[in-house]
Amino acid sequence: VALIEAVHRLLRTTVRAFYDDASVIVVDALLREARCVRDDELAKTIKLSVDQVRRRLSMLAEHRLVANREKKEAGRGGRARFTFRK
């Protein structure tokens, strides 16, 4: 548990030092969740547009700070993209 908290603290510090405010908000919201989060649910929670959240998540995933996965959902008629922290 102490290691996970240290990694979260390092991630928060890194994002605050090198990324914009919207990215900081996205990472903070992800770290508060204890599960995978849909990008549209995350956008609703932090009151940013889905496009802004997806752009930030794509950049953070490219920099390997978060990971994305797609999951097929029965009720939604297709795939949904979930985001989770490393």
N, C-alpha and C. Protein backbone atom coordinates (compact mmCIF):
# COMPACT_ATOMS: atom_id res chain seq x y z
N VAL A 1 0.83 -1.20 0.00
CA VAL A 1 0.00 0.00 0.00
C VAL A 1 0.87 1.25 0.00
N ALA A 2 1.94 1.24 0.76
CA ALA A 2 2.83 2.40 0.81
C ALA A 2 3.47 2.66 -0.55
N LEU A 3 3.81 1.60 -1.26
CA LEU A 3 4.41 1.75 -2.59
C LEU A 3 3.41 2.38 -3.56
N ILE A 4 2.16 1.93 -3.52
CA ILE A 4 1.14 2.48 -4.40
C ILE A 4 0.92 3.96 -4.11
N GLU A 5 0.88 4.33 -2.84
CA GLU A 5 0.73 5.73 -2.47
C GLU A 5 1.92 6.56 -2.95
N ALA A 6 3.11 6.01 -2.87
CA ALA A 6 4.30 6.72 -3.35
C ALA A 6 4.25 6.92 -4.86
N VAL A 7 3.80 5.90 -5.59
CA VAL A 7 3.67 6.01 -7.04
C VAL A 7 2.61 7.05 -7.40
N HIS A 8 1.50 7.06 -6.69
CA HIS A 8 0.46 8.07 -6.94
C HIS A 8 0.99 9.48 -6.68
N ARG A 9 1.73 9.64 -5.60
CA ARG A 9 2.30 10.94 -5.26
C ARG A 9 3.28 11.39 -6.35
N LEU A 10 4.11 10.45 -6.84
CA LEU A 10 5.06 10.75 -7.92
C LEU A 10 4.32 11.13 -9.20
N LEU A 11 3.26 10.41 -9.52
CA LEU A 11 2.47 10.72 -10.72
C LEU A 11 1.85 12.11 -10.60
N ARG A 12 1.26 12.41 -9.46
CA ARG A 12 0.66 13.74 -9.26
C ARG A 12 1.71 14.85 -9.41
N THR A 13 2.86 14.66 -8.80
CA THR A 13 3.92 15.66 -8.86
C THR A 13 4.42 15.84 -10.29
N THR A 14 4.62 14.75 -11.00
CA THR A 14 5.09 14.81 -12.38
C THR A 14 4.09 15.53 -13.28
N VAL A 15 2.83 15.19 -13.14
CA VAL A 15 1.81 15.82 -13.99
C VAL A 15 1.70 17.31 -13.67
N ARG A 16 1.77 17.67 -12.40
CA ARG A 16 1.70 19.09 -12.02
C ARG A 16 2.90 19.88 -12.55
N ALA A 17 4.05 19.23 -12.63
CA ALA A 17 5.26 19.92 -13.08
C ALA A 17 5.33 20.08 -14.59
N PHE A 18 4.83 19.11 -15.35
CA PHE A 18 5.09 19.09 -16.79
C PHE A 18 3.86 19.18 -17.69
N TYR A 19 2.66 19.15 -17.14
CA TYR A 19 1.45 19.12 -17.96
C TYR A 19 0.53 20.28 -17.62
N ASP A 20 -0.45 20.51 -18.49
CA ASP A 20 -1.39 21.62 -18.30
C ASP A 20 -2.42 21.29 -17.21
N ASP A 21 -3.20 22.30 -16.85
CA ASP A 21 -4.17 22.17 -15.76
C ASP A 21 -5.23 21.10 -16.03
N ALA A 22 -5.69 21.00 -17.27
CA ALA A 22 -6.71 20.00 -17.60
C ALA A 22 -6.17 18.58 -17.39
N SER A 23 -4.91 18.36 -17.72
CA SER A 23 -4.30 17.04 -17.51
C SER A 23 -4.19 16.73 -16.02
N VAL A 24 -3.89 17.74 -15.22
CA VAL A 24 -3.81 17.56 -13.77
C VAL A 24 -5.17 17.16 -13.23
N ILE A 25 -6.22 17.80 -13.70
CA ILE A 25 -7.58 17.48 -13.25
C ILE A 25 -7.94 16.05 -13.63
N VAL A 26 -7.60 15.64 -14.85
CA VAL A 26 -7.89 14.28 -15.31
C VAL A 26 -7.17 13.25 -14.45
N VAL A 27 -5.89 13.46 -14.21
CA VAL A 27 -5.12 12.50 -13.41
C VAL A 27 -5.64 12.44 -11.97
N ASP A 28 -5.93 13.59 -11.38
CA ASP A 28 -6.47 13.59 -10.02
C ASP A 28 -7.78 12.82 -9.94
N ALA A 29 -8.64 13.00 -10.94
CA ALA A 29 -9.92 12.28 -10.96
C ALA A 29 -9.70 10.77 -11.12
N LEU A 30 -8.76 10.39 -11.96
CA LEU A 30 -8.46 8.97 -12.14
C LEU A 30 -7.92 8.34 -10.85
N LEU A 31 -7.09 9.07 -10.15
CA LEU A 31 -6.50 8.53 -8.93
C LEU A 31 -7.53 8.42 -7.80
N ARG A 32 -8.57 9.23 -7.85
CA ARG A 32 -9.64 9.11 -6.85
C ARG A 32 -10.50 7.88 -7.06
N GLU A 33 -10.60 7.43 -8.31
CA GLU A 33 -11.41 6.25 -8.62
C GLU A 33 -10.64 4.98 -8.29
N ALA A 34 -11.36 3.96 -7.86
CA ALA A 34 -10.72 2.68 -7.53
C ALA A 34 -11.04 1.64 -8.60
N ARG A 35 -11.37 2.10 -9.80
CA ARG A 35 -11.77 1.18 -10.86
C ARG A 35 -11.45 1.81 -12.21
N CYS A 36 -11.66 1.05 -13.26
CA CYS A 36 -11.57 1.60 -14.61
C CYS A 36 -12.72 2.58 -14.81
N VAL A 37 -12.47 3.62 -15.56
CA VAL A 37 -13.47 4.67 -15.75
C VAL A 37 -13.68 4.90 -17.23
N ARG A 38 -14.93 5.00 -17.64
CA ARG A 38 -15.24 5.36 -19.02
C ARG A 38 -14.86 6.82 -19.23
N ASP A 39 -14.33 7.12 -20.41
CA ASP A 39 -13.91 8.49 -20.66
C ASP A 39 -15.07 9.48 -20.61
N ASP A 40 -16.26 9.07 -21.07
CA ASP A 40 -17.40 9.98 -21.00
C ASP A 40 -17.90 10.18 -19.57
N GLU A 41 -17.81 9.14 -18.73
CA GLU A 41 -18.17 9.29 -17.31
C GLU A 41 -17.18 10.21 -16.61
N LEU A 42 -15.91 10.07 -16.95
CA LEU A 42 -14.88 10.93 -16.37
C LEU A 42 -15.12 12.38 -16.75
N ALA A 43 -15.46 12.62 -18.01
CA ALA A 43 -15.74 13.97 -18.47
C ALA A 43 -16.91 14.59 -17.71
N LYS A 44 -17.93 13.80 -17.49
CA LYS A 44 -19.09 14.29 -16.75
C LYS A 44 -18.72 14.62 -15.30
N THR A 45 -17.91 13.77 -14.69
CA THR A 45 -17.51 13.95 -13.30
C THR A 45 -16.69 15.23 -13.10
N ILE A 46 -15.77 15.49 -14.01
CA ILE A 46 -14.88 16.65 -13.84
C ILE A 46 -15.34 17.86 -14.65
N LYS A 47 -16.49 17.74 -15.30
CA LYS A 47 -17.12 18.85 -16.02
C LYS A 47 -16.23 19.45 -17.10
N LEU A 48 -15.59 18.57 -17.86
CA LEU A 48 -14.88 18.96 -19.08
C LEU A 48 -15.56 18.27 -20.24
N SER A 49 -15.33 18.75 -21.45
CA SER A 49 -15.93 18.09 -22.61
C SER A 49 -15.26 16.73 -22.83
N VAL A 50 -15.99 15.83 -23.45
CA VAL A 50 -15.45 14.49 -23.73
C VAL A 50 -14.22 14.60 -24.63
N ASP A 51 -14.25 15.52 -25.59
CA ASP A 51 -13.10 15.70 -26.48
C ASP A 51 -11.85 16.14 -25.71
N GLN A 52 -12.02 17.07 -24.76
CA GLN A 52 -10.88 17.51 -23.97
C GLN A 52 -10.31 16.35 -23.16
N VAL A 53 -11.20 15.58 -22.54
CA VAL A 53 -10.75 14.45 -21.72
C VAL A 53 -10.05 13.42 -22.59
N ARG A 54 -10.61 13.11 -23.75
CA ARG A 54 -9.98 12.12 -24.64
C ARG A 54 -8.62 12.58 -25.13
N ARG A 55 -8.50 13.87 -25.43
CA ARG A 55 -7.20 14.39 -25.87
C ARG A 55 -6.15 14.24 -24.77
N ARG A 56 -6.55 14.60 -23.55
CA ARG A 56 -5.61 14.49 -22.42
C ARG A 56 -5.27 13.03 -22.16
N LEU A 57 -6.26 12.14 -22.18
CA LEU A 57 -6.02 10.73 -21.93
C LEU A 57 -5.12 10.13 -23.00
N SER A 58 -5.32 10.52 -24.24
CA SER A 58 -4.47 10.01 -25.33
C SER A 58 -3.02 10.43 -25.13
N MET A 59 -2.83 11.70 -24.77
CA MET A 59 -1.48 12.19 -24.54
C MET A 59 -0.84 11.48 -23.34
N LEU A 60 -1.59 11.33 -22.25
CA LEU A 60 -1.06 10.66 -21.06
C LEU A 60 -0.78 9.19 -21.33
N ALA A 61 -1.60 8.56 -22.16
CA ALA A 61 -1.35 7.16 -22.52
C ALA A 61 -0.12 7.05 -23.42
N GLU A 62 0.04 7.99 -24.31
CA GLU A 62 1.23 8.01 -25.17
C GLU A 62 2.50 8.16 -24.35
N HIS A 63 2.41 8.92 -23.27
CA HIS A 63 3.54 9.12 -22.37
C HIS A 63 3.61 8.03 -21.28
N ARG A 64 2.73 7.06 -21.39
CA ARG A 64 2.69 5.88 -20.52
C ARG A 64 2.42 6.19 -19.05
N LEU A 65 1.60 7.23 -18.83
CA LEU A 65 1.20 7.56 -17.46
C LEU A 65 -0.14 6.94 -17.10
N VAL A 66 -0.96 6.67 -18.10
CA VAL A 66 -2.22 5.94 -17.92
C VAL A 66 -2.31 4.91 -19.04
N ALA A 67 -3.25 4.01 -18.90
CA ALA A 67 -3.45 2.98 -19.93
C ALA A 67 -4.92 2.97 -20.34
N ASN A 68 -5.16 2.65 -21.59
CA ASN A 68 -6.51 2.56 -22.13
C ASN A 68 -6.81 1.12 -22.51
N ARG A 69 -8.07 0.77 -22.48
CA ARG A 69 -8.49 -0.51 -23.02
C ARG A 69 -9.91 -0.36 -23.52
N GLU A 70 -10.24 -1.15 -24.51
CA GLU A 70 -11.60 -1.15 -25.03
C GLU A 70 -12.31 -2.39 -24.55
N LYS A 71 -13.59 -2.23 -24.24
CA LYS A 71 -14.38 -3.33 -23.73
C LYS A 71 -15.71 -3.31 -24.46
N LYS A 72 -16.13 -4.46 -24.91
CA LYS A 72 -17.40 -4.56 -25.61
C LYS A 72 -18.53 -4.53 -24.58
N GLU A 73 -19.48 -3.65 -24.80
CA GLU A 73 -20.62 -3.53 -23.89
C GLU A 73 -21.89 -3.94 -24.61
N ALA A 74 -22.69 -4.74 -23.95
CA ALA A 74 -23.91 -5.27 -24.56
C ALA A 74 -24.97 -4.20 -24.77
N GLY A 75 -25.23 -3.39 -23.76
CA GLY A 75 -26.33 -2.44 -23.81
C GLY A 75 -26.06 -1.20 -24.63
N ARG A 76 -24.84 -0.94 -25.00
CA ARG A 76 -24.51 0.30 -25.68
C ARG A 76 -24.30 0.13 -27.18
N GLY A 77 -24.41 -1.07 -27.66
CA GLY A 77 -24.31 -1.30 -29.10
C GLY A 77 -22.94 -1.06 -29.67
N GLY A 78 -21.91 -1.45 -29.00
CA GLY A 78 -20.57 -1.27 -29.54
C GLY A 78 -19.53 -1.33 -28.46
N ARG A 79 -18.44 -0.65 -28.75
CA ARG A 79 -17.32 -0.67 -27.81
C ARG A 79 -17.29 0.62 -27.00
N ALA A 80 -16.80 0.50 -25.81
CA ALA A 80 -16.60 1.67 -24.95
C ALA A 80 -15.14 1.69 -24.54
N ARG A 81 -14.57 2.86 -24.48
CA ARG A 81 -13.17 2.98 -24.08
C ARG A 81 -13.11 3.28 -22.59
N PHE A 82 -12.37 2.47 -21.89
CA PHE A 82 -12.18 2.66 -20.46
C PHE A 82 -10.75 3.11 -20.22
N THR A 83 -10.55 3.89 -19.21
CA THR A 83 -9.23 4.34 -18.85
C THR A 83 -8.94 3.94 -17.42
N PHE A 84 -7.75 3.53 -17.20
CA PHE A 84 -7.36 3.20 -15.83
C PHE A 84 -5.93 3.63 -15.61
N ARG A 85 -5.60 3.86 -14.38
CA ARG A 85 -4.24 4.28 -14.07
C ARG A 85 -3.34 3.07 -13.99
N LYS A 86 -2.08 3.28 -14.15
CA LYS A 86 -1.11 2.19 -14.05
C LYS A 86 -0.79 1.93 -12.61
